[in-house]
Amino acid sequence: MIPNMNPKALASAMKRMGIQQVDLDVEEVIFRMRDADLVFKRPAVSKINMMGQETYQLIGSAERRVRDVTPEITEEDIKTVMAQAHVDQNTASAALKKTKGDIAAAILSLT
């Protein structure tokens, strides 16, 4: 944390300021984002409590894993696009897939 400072002195100073730090034994941490996950294997994780406010500090290397985020397209969605754009089921389904399930964008692309 602070270079060239005795770890015991640092712990004592943190205690006086009301800061408590606990190192956690963590095997994996995953951050889920819209289109990908960041996966940290065996990171160094510390839980820090300062005046009742808990924060977590993570140190490690992340592996990025891309996820398929295609939303489920329901029959009702397809029927809505068919009715509004006056197209057949296959055309409506293809438009919904192309717009990743966005009904309004699918309709606009067909009209």
PDB file of N, CA and C in Angstrom:
ATOM      1  N   MET A   1       0.826  -1.187   0.000  1.00  0.00           N
ATOM      2  CA  MET A   1       0.000   0.000   0.000  1.00  0.00           C
ATOM      3  C   MET A   1       0.871   1.253   0.000  1.00  0.00           C
ATOM      4  N   ILE A   2       1.611   1.471   1.113  1.00  0.00           N
ATOM      5  CA  ILE A   2       2.524   2.606   1.194  1.00  0.00           C
ATOM      6  C   ILE A   2       3.946   2.053   1.171  1.00  0.00           C
ATOM      7  N   PRO A   3       4.764   2.440   0.191  1.00  0.00           N
ATOM      8  CA  PRO A   3       6.116   1.879   0.097  1.00  0.00           C
ATOM      9  C   PRO A   3       6.969   2.218   1.315  1.00  0.00           C
ATOM     10  N   ASN A   4       7.872   1.294   1.656  1.00  0.00           N
ATOM     11  CA  ASN A   4       8.849   1.458   2.732  1.00  0.00           C
ATOM     12  C   ASN A   4       8.220   1.703   4.102  1.00  0.00           C
ATOM     13  N   MET A   5       7.000   1.226   4.309  1.00  0.00           N
ATOM     14  CA  MET A   5       6.373   1.368   5.624  1.00  0.00           C
ATOM     15  C   MET A   5       6.242  -0.020   6.234  1.00  0.00           C
ATOM     16  N   ASN A   6       6.561  -0.104   7.490  1.00  0.00           N
ATOM     17  CA  ASN A   6       6.457  -1.348   8.232  1.00  0.00           C
ATOM     18  C   ASN A   6       5.004  -1.829   8.203  1.00  0.00           C
ATOM     19  N   PRO A   7       4.747  -3.088   7.792  1.00  0.00           N
ATOM     20  CA  PRO A   7       3.374  -3.596   7.727  1.00  0.00           C
ATOM     21  C   PRO A   7       2.628  -3.503   9.055  1.00  0.00           C
ATOM     22  N   LYS A   8       3.333  -3.702  10.186  1.00  0.00           N
ATOM     23  CA  LYS A   8       2.676  -3.606  11.497  1.00  0.00           C
ATOM     24  C   LYS A   8       2.278  -2.162  11.788  1.00  0.00           C
ATOM     25  N   ALA A   9       3.153  -1.225  11.416  1.00  0.00           N
ATOM     26  CA  ALA A   9       2.843   0.193  11.625  1.00  0.00           C
ATOM     27  C   ALA A   9       1.674   0.616  10.739  1.00  0.00           C
ATOM     28  N   LEU A  10       1.640   0.098   9.525  1.00  0.00           N
ATOM     29  CA  LEU A  10       0.545   0.395   8.603  1.00  0.00           C
ATOM     30  C   LEU A  10      -0.775  -0.147   9.156  1.00  0.00           C
ATOM     31  N   ALA A  11      -0.757  -1.391   9.651  1.00  0.00           N
ATOM     32  CA  ALA A  11      -1.969  -1.989  10.230  1.00  0.00           C
ATOM     33  C   ALA A  11      -2.445  -1.191  11.429  1.00  0.00           C
ATOM     34  N   SER A  12      -1.512  -0.725  12.243  1.00  0.00           N
ATOM     35  CA  SER A  12      -1.854   0.077  13.416  1.00  0.00           C
ATOM     36  C   SER A  12      -2.478   1.417  13.001  1.00  0.00           C
ATOM     37  N   ALA A  13      -1.896   2.050  11.993  1.00  0.00           N
ATOM     38  CA  ALA A  13      -2.428   3.331  11.505  1.00  0.00           C
ATOM     39  C   ALA A  13      -3.825   3.146  10.930  1.00  0.00           C
ATOM     40  N   MET A  14      -4.030   2.059  10.191  1.00  0.00           N
ATOM     41  CA  MET A  14      -5.354   1.794   9.621  1.00  0.00           C
ATOM     42  C   MET A  14      -6.381   1.569  10.733  1.00  0.00           C
ATOM     43  N   LYS A  15      -5.986   0.872  11.773  1.00  0.00           N
ATOM     44  CA  LYS A  15      -6.894   0.606  12.894  1.00  0.00           C
ATOM     45  C   LYS A  15      -7.287   1.909  13.580  1.00  0.00           C
ATOM     46  N   ARG A  16      -6.335   2.812  13.756  1.00  0.00           N
ATOM     47  CA  ARG A  16      -6.628   4.108  14.380  1.00  0.00           C
ATOM     48  C   ARG A  16      -7.600   4.924  13.537  1.00  0.00           C
ATOM     49  N   MET A  17      -7.530   4.766  12.219  1.00  0.00           N
ATOM     50  CA  MET A  17      -8.434   5.501  11.327  1.00  0.00           C
ATOM     51  C   MET A  17      -9.771   4.778  11.146  1.00  0.00           C
ATOM     52  N   GLY A  18      -9.947   3.647  11.788  1.00  0.00           N
ATOM     53  CA  GLY A  18     -11.203   2.914  11.680  1.00  0.00           C
ATOM     54  C   GLY A  18     -11.312   2.091  10.409  1.00  0.00           C
ATOM     55  N   ILE A  19     -10.178   1.709   9.860  1.00  0.00           N
ATOM     56  CA  ILE A  19     -10.170   0.916   8.630  1.00  0.00           C
ATOM     57  C   ILE A  19      -9.784  -0.515   8.975  1.00  0.00           C
ATOM     58  N   GLN A  20     -10.626  -1.451   8.571  1.00  0.00           N
ATOM     59  CA  GLN A  20     -10.343  -2.868   8.770  1.00  0.00           C
ATOM     60  C   GLN A  20     -10.219  -3.528   7.408  1.00  0.00           C
ATOM     61  N   GLN A  21      -9.181  -4.331   7.245  1.00  0.00           N
ATOM     62  CA  GLN A  21      -8.966  -5.032   5.976  1.00  0.00           C
ATOM     63  C   GLN A  21      -8.841  -6.521   6.243  1.00  0.00           C
ATOM     64  N   VAL A  22      -9.572  -7.305   5.450  1.00  0.00           N
ATOM     65  CA  VAL A  22      -9.525  -8.762   5.560  1.00  0.00           C
ATOM     66  C   VAL A  22      -9.232  -9.312   4.170  1.00  0.00           C
ATOM     67  N   ASP A  23      -8.206 -10.160   4.077  1.00  0.00           N
ATOM     68  CA  ASP A  23      -7.912 -10.825   2.803  1.00  0.00           C
ATOM     69  C   ASP A  23      -8.822 -12.035   2.677  1.00  0.00           C
ATOM     70  N   LEU A  24      -9.453 -12.185   1.518  1.00  0.00           N
ATOM     71  CA  LEU A  24     -10.386 -13.278   1.271  1.00  0.00           C
ATOM     72  C   LEU A  24      -9.730 -14.357   0.421  1.00  0.00           C
ATOM     73  N   ASP A  25     -10.054 -15.614   0.704  1.00  0.00           N
ATOM     74  CA  ASP A  25      -9.556 -16.740  -0.089  1.00  0.00           C
ATOM     75  C   ASP A  25     -10.560 -16.972  -1.220  1.00  0.00           C
ATOM     76  N   VAL A  26     -10.269 -16.407  -2.385  1.00  0.00           N
ATOM     77  CA  VAL A  26     -11.193 -16.424  -3.514  1.00  0.00           C
ATOM     78  C   VAL A  26     -10.614 -17.251  -4.647  1.00  0.00           C
ATOM     79  N   GLU A  27     -11.446 -18.109  -5.234  1.00  0.00           N
ATOM     80  CA  GLU A  27     -10.992 -18.928  -6.359  1.00  0.00           C
ATOM     81  C   GLU A  27     -11.258 -18.269  -7.706  1.00  0.00           C
ATOM     82  N   GLU A  28     -12.395 -17.541  -7.801  1.00  0.00           N
ATOM     83  CA  GLU A  28     -12.756 -16.958  -9.089  1.00  0.00           C
ATOM     84  C   GLU A  28     -13.699 -15.788  -8.858  1.00  0.00           C
ATOM     85  N   VAL A  29     -13.521 -14.737  -9.665  1.00  0.00           N
ATOM     86  CA  VAL A  29     -14.422 -13.591  -9.661  1.00  0.00           C
ATOM     87  C   VAL A  29     -14.860 -13.364 -11.099  1.00  0.00           C
ATOM     88  N   ILE A  30     -16.171 -13.175 -11.282  1.00  0.00           N
ATOM     89  CA  ILE A  30     -16.709 -12.955 -12.627  1.00  0.00           C
ATOM     90  C   ILE A  30     -17.485 -11.642 -12.640  1.00  0.00           C
ATOM     91  N   PHE A  31     -17.115 -10.765 -13.567  1.00  0.00           N
ATOM     92  CA  PHE A  31     -17.879  -9.549 -13.825  1.00  0.00           C
ATOM     93  C   PHE A  31     -18.714  -9.822 -15.065  1.00  0.00           C
ATOM     94  N   ARG A  32     -20.043  -9.805 -14.922  1.00  0.00           N
ATOM     95  CA  ARG A  32     -20.939 -10.025 -16.057  1.00  0.00           C
ATOM     96  C   ARG A  32     -21.289  -8.679 -16.674  1.00  0.00           C
ATOM     97  N   MET A  33     -20.987  -8.555 -17.956  1.00  0.00           N
ATOM     98  CA  MET A  33     -21.334  -7.357 -18.697  1.00  0.00           C
ATOM     99  C   MET A  33     -22.357  -7.761 -19.761  1.00  0.00           C
ATOM    100  N   ARG A  34     -22.827  -6.817 -20.494  1.00  0.00           N
ATOM    101  CA  ARG A  34     -23.877  -7.088 -21.470  1.00  0.00           C
ATOM    102  C   ARG A  34     -23.475  -8.167 -22.484  1.00  0.00           C
ATOM    103  N   ASP A  35     -22.275  -8.070 -23.018  1.00  0.00           N
ATOM    104  CA  ASP A  35     -21.893  -8.973 -24.103  1.00  0.00           C
ATOM    105  C   ASP A  35     -20.698  -9.866 -23.786  1.00  0.00           C
ATOM    106  N   ALA A  36     -20.132  -9.727 -22.586  1.00  0.00           N
ATOM    107  CA  ALA A  36     -18.949 -10.522 -22.247  1.00  0.00           C
ATOM    108  C   ALA A  36     -18.824 -10.655 -20.735  1.00  0.00           C
ATOM    109  N   ASP A  37     -17.978 -11.579 -20.328  1.00  0.00           N
ATOM    110  CA  ASP A  37     -17.641 -11.750 -18.923  1.00  0.00           C
ATOM    111  C   ASP A  37     -16.147 -11.501 -18.761  1.00  0.00           C
ATOM    112  N   LEU A  38     -15.770 -10.906 -17.650  1.00  0.00           N
ATOM    113  CA  LEU A  38     -14.372 -10.819 -17.270  1.00  0.00           C
ATOM    114  C   LEU A  38     -14.188 -11.822 -16.141  1.00  0.00           C
ATOM    115  N   VAL A  39     -13.317 -12.811 -16.351  1.00  0.00           N
ATOM    116  CA  VAL A  39     -13.118 -13.878 -15.379  1.00  0.00           C
ATOM    117  C   VAL A  39     -11.710 -13.763 -14.795  1.00  0.00           C
ATOM    118  N   PHE A  40     -11.644 -13.641 -13.480  1.00  0.00           N
ATOM    119  CA  PHE A  40     -10.380 -13.561 -12.754  1.00  0.00           C
ATOM    120  C   PHE A  40     -10.192 -14.885 -12.020  1.00  0.00           C
ATOM    121  N   LYS A  41      -9.140 -15.633 -12.332  1.00  0.00           N
ATOM    122  CA  LYS A  41      -8.821 -16.898 -11.661  1.00  0.00           C
ATOM    123  C   LYS A  41      -7.819 -16.612 -10.545  1.00  0.00           C
ATOM    124  N   ARG A  42      -8.132 -17.084  -9.349  1.00  0.00           N
ATOM    125  CA  ARG A  42      -7.278 -16.946  -8.154  1.00  0.00           C
ATOM    126  C   ARG A  42      -6.780 -15.500  -7.956  1.00  0.00           C
ATOM    127  N   PRO A  43      -7.686 -14.522  -7.923  1.00  0.00           N
ATOM    128  CA  PRO A  43      -7.250 -13.149  -7.689  1.00  0.00           C
ATOM    129  C   PRO A  43      -6.963 -12.910  -6.209  1.00  0.00           C
ATOM    130  N   ALA A  44      -6.234 -11.853  -5.926  1.00  0.00           N
ATOM    131  CA  ALA A  44      -6.051 -11.401  -4.550  1.00  0.00           C
ATOM    132  C   ALA A  44      -7.204 -10.445  -4.266  1.00  0.00           C
ATOM    133  N   VAL A  45      -8.052 -10.798  -3.307  1.00  0.00           N
ATOM    134  CA  VAL A  45      -9.221  -9.982  -2.992  1.00  0.00           C
ATOM    135  C   VAL A  45      -9.172  -9.585  -1.522  1.00  0.00           C
ATOM    136  N   SER A  46      -9.362  -8.304  -1.272  1.00  0.00           N
ATOM    137  CA  SER A  46      -9.409  -7.788   0.095  1.00  0.00           C
ATOM    138  C   SER A  46     -10.744  -7.106   0.323  1.00  0.00           C
ATOM    139  N   LYS A  47     -11.312  -7.344   1.496  1.00  0.00           N
ATOM    140  CA  LYS A  47     -12.542  -6.665   1.905  1.00  0.00           C
ATOM    141  C   LYS A  47     -12.116  -5.578   2.885  1.00  0.00           C
ATOM    142  N   ILE A  48     -12.494  -4.352   2.586  1.00  0.00           N
ATOM    143  CA  ILE A  48     -12.083  -3.213   3.401  1.00  0.00           C
ATOM    144  C   ILE A  48     -13.332  -2.556   3.982  1.00  0.00           C
ATOM    145  N   ASN A  49     -13.339  -2.406   5.295  1.00  0.00           N
ATOM    146  CA  ASN A  49     -14.455  -1.769   5.983  1.00  0.00           C
ATOM    147  C   ASN A  49     -13.937  -0.469   6.589  1.00  0.00           C
ATOM    148  N   MET A  50     -14.488   0.642   6.096  1.00  0.00           N
ATOM    149  CA  MET A  50     -14.086   1.947   6.611  1.00  0.00           C
ATOM    150  C   MET A  50     -15.336   2.675   7.066  1.00  0.00           C
ATOM    151  N   MET A  51     -15.475   2.800   8.378  1.00  0.00           N
ATOM    152  CA  MET A  51     -16.620   3.467   8.998  1.00  0.00           C
ATOM    153  C   MET A  51     -17.945   2.881   8.512  1.00  0.00           C
ATOM    154  N   GLY A  52     -18.025   1.559   8.446  1.00  0.00           N
ATOM    155  CA  GLY A  52     -19.265   0.886   8.073  1.00  0.00           C
ATOM    156  C   GLY A  52     -19.487   0.722   6.582  1.00  0.00           C
ATOM    157  N   GLN A  53     -18.646   1.308   5.776  1.00  0.00           N
ATOM    158  CA  GLN A  53     -18.765   1.196   4.318  1.00  0.00           C
ATOM    159  C   GLN A  53     -17.828   0.101   3.826  1.00  0.00           C
ATOM    160  N   GLU A  54     -18.384  -0.960   3.250  1.00  0.00           N
ATOM    161  CA  GLU A  54     -17.564  -2.066   2.755  1.00  0.00           C
ATOM    162  C   GLU A  54     -17.206  -1.869   1.293  1.00  0.00           C
ATOM    163  N   THR A  55     -15.939  -2.079   0.985  1.00  0.00           N
ATOM    164  CA  THR A  55     -15.480  -2.085  -0.404  1.00  0.00           C
ATOM    165  C   THR A  55     -14.605  -3.319  -0.602  1.00  0.00           C
ATOM    166  N   TYR A  56     -14.473  -3.718  -1.855  1.00  0.00           N
ATOM    167  CA  TYR A  56     -13.656  -4.872  -2.193  1.00  0.00           C
ATOM    168  C   TYR A  56     -12.599  -4.433  -3.187  1.00  0.00           C
ATOM    169  N   GLN A  57     -11.386  -4.921  -2.964  1.00  0.00           N
ATOM    170  CA  GLN A  57     -10.274  -4.616  -3.858  1.00  0.00           C
ATOM    171  C   GLN A  57      -9.837  -5.914  -4.505  1.00  0.00           C
ATOM    172  N   LEU A  58      -9.713  -5.910  -5.823  1.00  0.00           N
ATOM    173  CA  LEU A  58      -9.347  -7.101  -6.578  1.00  0.00           C
ATOM    174  C   LEU A  58      -8.069  -6.836  -7.346  1.00  0.00           C
ATOM    175  N   ILE A  59      -7.134  -7.767  -7.242  1.00  0.00           N
ATOM    176  CA  ILE A  59      -5.890  -7.670  -8.011  1.00  0.00           C
ATOM    177  C   ILE A  59      -5.708  -8.989  -8.745  1.00  0.00           C
ATOM    178  N   GLY A  60      -5.575  -8.924 -10.058  1.00  0.00           N
ATOM    179  CA  GLY A  60      -5.390 -10.132 -10.848  1.00  0.00           C
ATOM    180  C   GLY A  60      -5.556  -9.846 -12.323  1.00  0.00           C
ATOM    181  N   SER A  61      -5.363 -10.871 -13.123  1.00  0.00           N
ATOM    182  CA  SER A  61      -5.497 -10.756 -14.576  1.00  0.00           C
ATOM    183  C   SER A  61      -6.822 -11.342 -15.004  1.00  0.00           C
ATOM    184  N   ALA A  62      -7.476 -10.657 -15.919  1.00  0.00           N
ATOM    185  CA  ALA A  62      -8.789 -11.085 -16.385  1.00  0.00           C
ATOM    186  C   ALA A  62      -8.700 -11.779 -17.735  1.00  0.00           C
ATOM    187  N   GLU A  63      -9.568 -12.755 -17.891  1.00  0.00           N
ATOM    188  CA  GLU A  63      -9.763 -13.408 -19.189  1.00  0.00           C
ATOM    189  C   GLU A  63     -11.128 -12.947 -19.680  1.00  0.00           C
ATOM    190  N   ARG A  64     -11.177 -12.433 -20.898  1.00  0.00           N
ATOM    191  CA  ARG A  64     -12.447 -11.956 -21.453  1.00  0.00           C
ATOM    192  C   ARG A  64     -13.125 -13.088 -22.197  1.00  0.00           C
ATOM    193  N   ARG A  65     -14.374 -13.343 -21.836  1.00  0.00           N
ATOM    194  CA  ARG A  65     -15.169 -14.369 -22.506  1.00  0.00           C
ATOM    195  C   ARG A  65     -16.395 -13.707 -23.123  1.00  0.00           C
ATOM    196  N   VAL A  66     -16.493 -13.779 -24.437  1.00  0.00           N
ATOM    197  CA  VAL A  66     -17.626 -13.192 -25.143  1.00  0.00           C
ATOM    198  C   VAL A  66     -18.836 -14.102 -24.972  1.00  0.00           C
ATOM    199  N   ARG A  67     -19.988 -13.489 -24.694  1.00  0.00           N
ATOM    200  CA  ARG A  67     -21.224 -14.252 -24.519  1.00  0.00           C
ATOM    201  C   ARG A  67     -22.179 -13.941 -25.663  1.00  0.00           C
ATOM    202  N   ASP A  68     -23.007 -14.934 -25.990  1.00  0.00           N
ATOM    203  CA  ASP A  68     -24.064 -14.730 -26.981  1.00  0.00           C
ATOM    204  C   ASP A  68     -25.210 -14.034 -26.267  1.00  0.00           C
ATOM    205  N   VAL A  69     -25.543 -12.837 -26.717  1.00  0.00           N
ATOM    206  CA  VAL A  69     -26.570 -12.054 -26.042  1.00  0.00           C
ATOM    207  C   VAL A  69     -27.837 -11.919 -26.878  1.00  0.00           C
ATOM    208  N   THR A  70     -28.046 -12.841 -27.793  1.00  0.00           N
ATOM    209  CA  THR A  70     -29.238 -12.783 -28.616  1.00  0.00           C
ATOM    210  C   THR A  70     -30.459 -13.047 -27.742  1.00  0.00           C
ATOM    211  N   PRO A  71     -31.370 -12.097 -27.676  1.00  0.00           N
ATOM    212  CA  PRO A  71     -32.545 -12.288 -26.830  1.00  0.00           C
ATOM    213  C   PRO A  71     -33.493 -13.322 -27.425  1.00  0.00           C
ATOM    214  N   GLU A  72     -34.314 -13.884 -26.573  1.00  0.00           N
ATOM    215  CA  GLU A  72     -35.308 -14.846 -27.038  1.00  0.00           C
ATOM    216  C   GLU A  72     -36.371 -14.117 -27.852  1.00  0.00           C
ATOM    217  N   ILE A  73     -36.660 -14.649 -29.014  1.00  0.00           N
ATOM    218  CA  ILE A  73     -37.693 -14.072 -29.874  1.00  0.00           C
ATOM    219  C   ILE A  73     -38.930 -14.951 -29.742  1.00  0.00           C
ATOM    220  N   THR A  74     -40.012 -14.369 -29.257  1.00  0.00           N
ATOM    221  CA  THR A  74     -41.229 -15.136 -29.004  1.00  0.00           C
ATOM    222  C   THR A  74     -42.145 -15.133 -30.219  1.00  0.00           C
ATOM    223  N   GLU A  75     -43.105 -16.056 -30.195  1.00  0.00           N
ATOM    224  CA  GLU A  75     -44.110 -16.106 -31.265  1.00  0.00           C
ATOM    225  C   GLU A  75     -44.902 -14.805 -31.317  1.00  0.00           C
ATOM    226  N   GLU A  76     -45.154 -14.244 -30.146  1.00  0.00           N
ATOM    227  CA  GLU A  76     -45.906 -12.984 -30.082  1.00  0.00           C
ATOM    228  C   GLU A  76     -45.135 -11.861 -30.773  1.00  0.00           C
ATOM    229  N   ASP A  77     -43.805 -11.837 -30.585  1.00  0.00           N
ATOM    230  CA  ASP A  77     -42.977 -10.831 -31.253  1.00  0.00           C
ATOM    231  C   ASP A  77     -43.077 -10.988 -32.771  1.00  0.00           C
ATOM    232  N   ILE A  78     -42.996 -12.219 -33.230  1.00  0.00           N
ATOM    233  CA  ILE A  78     -43.068 -12.501 -34.671  1.00  0.00           C
ATOM    234  C   ILE A  78     -44.423 -12.082 -35.224  1.00  0.00           C
ATOM    235  N   LYS A  79     -45.495 -12.421 -34.505  1.00  0.00           N
ATOM    236  CA  LYS A  79     -46.846 -12.045 -34.958  1.00  0.00           C
ATOM    237  C   LYS A  79     -47.028 -10.532 -35.007  1.00  0.00           C
ATOM    238  N   THR A  80     -46.436  -9.829 -34.043  1.00  0.00           N
ATOM    239  CA  THR A  80     -46.532  -8.366 -34.034  1.00  0.00           C
ATOM    240  C   THR A  80     -45.861  -7.781 -35.272  1.00  0.00           C
ATOM    241  N   VAL A  81     -44.659  -8.266 -35.579  1.00  0.00           N
ATOM    242  CA  VAL A  81     -43.938  -7.770 -36.754  1.00  0.00           C
ATOM    243  C   VAL A  81     -44.695  -8.135 -38.028  1.00  0.00           C
ATOM    244  N   MET A  82     -45.238  -9.353 -38.081  1.00  0.00           N
ATOM    245  CA  MET A  82     -46.007  -9.781 -39.262  1.00  0.00           C
ATOM    246  C   MET A  82     -47.186  -8.853 -39.499  1.00  0.00           C
ATOM    247  N   ALA A  83     -47.930  -8.533 -38.432  1.00  0.00           N
ATOM    248  CA  ALA A  83     -49.128  -7.703 -38.559  1.00  0.00           C
ATOM    249  C   ALA A  83     -48.787  -6.258 -38.925  1.00  0.00           C
ATOM    250  N   GLN A  84     -47.777  -5.724 -38.288  1.00  0.00           N
ATOM    251  CA  GLN A  84     -47.452  -4.317 -38.513  1.00  0.00           C
ATOM    252  C   GLN A  84     -46.740  -4.068 -39.845  1.00  0.00           C
ATOM    253  N   ALA A  85     -45.913  -5.021 -40.284  1.00  0.00           N
ATOM    254  CA  ALA A  85     -45.146  -4.830 -41.524  1.00  0.00           C
ATOM    255  C   ALA A  85     -45.782  -5.536 -42.707  1.00  0.00           C
ATOM    256  N   HIS A  86     -46.856  -6.292 -42.447  1.00  0.00           N
ATOM    257  CA  HIS A  86     -47.565  -7.020 -43.511  1.00  0.00           C
ATOM    258  C   HIS A  86     -46.617  -7.959 -44.259  1.00  0.00           C
ATOM    259  N   VAL A  87     -45.920  -8.812 -43.486  1.00  0.00           N
ATOM    260  CA  VAL A  87     -44.987  -9.772 -44.070  1.00  0.00           C
ATOM    261  C   VAL A  87     -45.305 -11.168 -43.542  1.00  0.00           C
ATOM    262  N   ASP A  88     -44.663 -12.194 -44.164  1.00  0.00           N
ATOM    263  CA  ASP A  88     -44.879 -13.560 -43.702  1.00  0.00           C
ATOM    264  C   ASP A  88     -44.002 -13.863 -42.473  1.00  0.00           C
ATOM    265  N   GLN A  89     -44.208 -15.040 -41.888  1.00  0.00           N
ATOM    266  CA  GLN A  89     -43.522 -15.425 -40.658  1.00  0.00           C
ATOM    267  C   GLN A  89     -42.004 -15.490 -40.812  1.00  0.00           C
ATOM    268  N   ASN A  90     -41.532 -16.067 -41.910  1.00  0.00           N
ATOM    269  CA  ASN A  90     -40.078 -16.186 -42.117  1.00  0.00           C
ATOM    270  C   ASN A  90     -39.410 -14.819 -42.236  1.00  0.00           C
ATOM    271  N   THR A  91     -40.053 -13.904 -42.943  1.00  0.00           N
ATOM    272  CA  THR A  91     -39.505 -12.553 -43.112  1.00  0.00           C
ATOM    273  C   THR A  91     -39.467 -11.822 -41.768  1.00  0.00           C
ATOM    274  N   ALA A  92     -40.560 -11.937 -41.017  1.00  0.00           N
ATOM    275  CA  ALA A  92     -40.624 -11.288 -39.705  1.00  0.00           C
ATOM    276  C   ALA A  92     -39.572 -11.857 -38.761  1.00  0.00           C
ATOM    277  N   SER A  93     -39.420 -13.171 -38.758  1.00  0.00           N
ATOM    278  CA  SER A  93     -38.437 -13.828 -37.900  1.00  0.00           C
ATOM    279  C   SER A  93     -37.016 -13.400 -38.265  1.00  0.00           C
ATOM    280  N   ALA A  94     -36.731 -13.351 -39.556  1.00  0.00           N
ATOM    281  CA  ALA A  94     -35.398 -12.934 -40.017  1.00  0.00           C
ATOM    282  C   ALA A  94     -35.109 -11.487 -39.619  1.00  0.00           C
ATOM    283  N   ALA A  95     -36.107 -10.628 -39.733  1.00  0.00           N
ATOM    284  CA  ALA A  95     -35.914  -9.221 -39.360  1.00  0.00           C
ATOM    285  C   ALA A  95     -35.661  -9.084 -37.863  1.00  0.00           C
ATOM    286  N   LEU A  96     -36.363  -9.868 -37.058  1.00  0.00           N
ATOM    287  CA  LEU A  96     -36.147  -9.825 -35.607  1.00  0.00           C
ATOM    288  C   LEU A  96     -34.754 -10.327 -35.241  1.00  0.00           C
ATOM    289  N   LYS A  97     -34.293 -11.368 -35.915  1.00  0.00           N
ATOM    290  CA  LYS A  97     -32.945 -11.869 -35.647  1.00  0.00           C
ATOM    291  C   LYS A  97     -31.901 -10.837 -36.036  1.00  0.00           C
ATOM    292  N   LYS A  98     -32.126 -10.177 -37.164  1.00  0.00           N
ATOM    293  CA  LYS A  98     -31.181  -9.171 -37.645  1.00  0.00           C
ATOM    294  C   LYS A  98     -31.108  -7.978 -36.692  1.00  0.00           C
ATOM    295  N   THR A  99     -32.236  -7.629 -36.079  1.00  0.00           N
ATOM    296  CA  THR A  99     -32.273  -6.480 -35.160  1.00  0.00           C
ATOM    297  C   THR A  99     -32.123  -6.908 -33.701  1.00  0.00           C
ATOM    298  N   LYS A 100     -31.722  -8.168 -33.492  1.00  0.00           N
ATOM    299  CA  LYS A 100     -31.497  -8.722 -32.152  1.00  0.00           C
ATOM    300  C   LYS A 100     -32.718  -8.567 -31.256  1.00  0.00           C
ATOM    301  N   GLY A 101     -33.883  -8.847 -31.833  1.00  0.00           N
ATOM    302  CA  GLY A 101     -35.116  -8.856 -31.050  1.00  0.00           C
ATOM    303  C   GLY A 101     -35.792  -7.512 -30.886  1.00  0.00           C
ATOM    304  N   ASP A 102     -35.269  -6.463 -31.498  1.00  0.00           N
ATOM    305  CA  ASP A 102     -35.873  -5.129 -31.386  1.00  0.00           C
ATOM    306  C   ASP A 102     -37.060  -5.057 -32.347  1.00  0.00           C
ATOM    307  N   ILE A 103     -38.263  -5.134 -31.783  1.00  0.00           N
ATOM    308  CA  ILE A 103     -39.490  -5.203 -32.592  1.00  0.00           C
ATOM    309  C   ILE A 103     -39.656  -3.962 -33.457  1.00  0.00           C
ATOM    310  N   ALA A 104     -39.485  -2.790 -32.866  1.00  0.00           N
ATOM    311  CA  ALA A 104     -39.675  -1.536 -33.615  1.00  0.00           C
ATOM    312  C   ALA A 104     -38.679  -1.443 -34.773  1.00  0.00           C
ATOM    313  N   ALA A 105     -37.428  -1.786 -34.509  1.00  0.00           N
ATOM    314  CA  ALA A 105     -36.413  -1.720 -35.574  1.00  0.00           C
ATOM    315  C   ALA A 105     -36.725  -2.733 -36.674  1.00  0.00           C
ATOM    316  N   ALA A 106     -37.233  -3.907 -36.294  1.00  0.00           N
ATOM    317  CA  ALA A 106     -37.590  -4.930 -37.290  1.00  0.00           C
ATOM    318  C   ALA A 106     -38.712  -4.420 -38.184  1.00  0.00           C
ATOM    319  N   ILE A 107     -39.724  -3.828 -37.585  1.00  0.00           N
ATOM    320  CA  ILE A 107     -40.850  -3.288 -38.353  1.00  0.00           C
ATOM    321  C   ILE A 107     -40.382  -2.184 -39.288  1.00  0.00           C
ATOM    322  N   LEU A 108     -39.567  -1.280 -38.759  1.00  0.00           N
ATOM    323  CA  LEU A 108     -39.072  -0.160 -39.584  1.00  0.00           C
ATOM    324  C   LEU A 108     -38.203  -0.657 -40.744  1.00  0.00           C
ATOM    325  N   SER A 109     -37.441  -1.736 -40.504  1.00  0.00           N
ATOM    326  CA  SER A 109     -36.588  -2.240 -41.575  1.00  0.00           C
ATOM    327  C   SER A 109     -37.397  -2.886 -42.701  1.00  0.00           C
ATOM    328  N   LEU A 110     -38.610  -3.280 -42.397  1.00  0.00           N
ATOM    329  CA  LEU A 110     -39.449  -3.956 -43.394  1.00  0.00           C
ATOM    330  C   LEU A 110     -40.453  -3.036 -44.074  1.00  0.00           C
ATOM    331  N   THR A 111     -40.591  -1.817 -43.574  1.00  0.00           N
ATOM    332  CA  THR A 111     -41.596  -0.904 -44.163  1.00  0.00           C
ATOM    333  C   THR A 111     -40.930   0.236 -44.890  1.00  0.00           C
TER     334      THR A 111
END
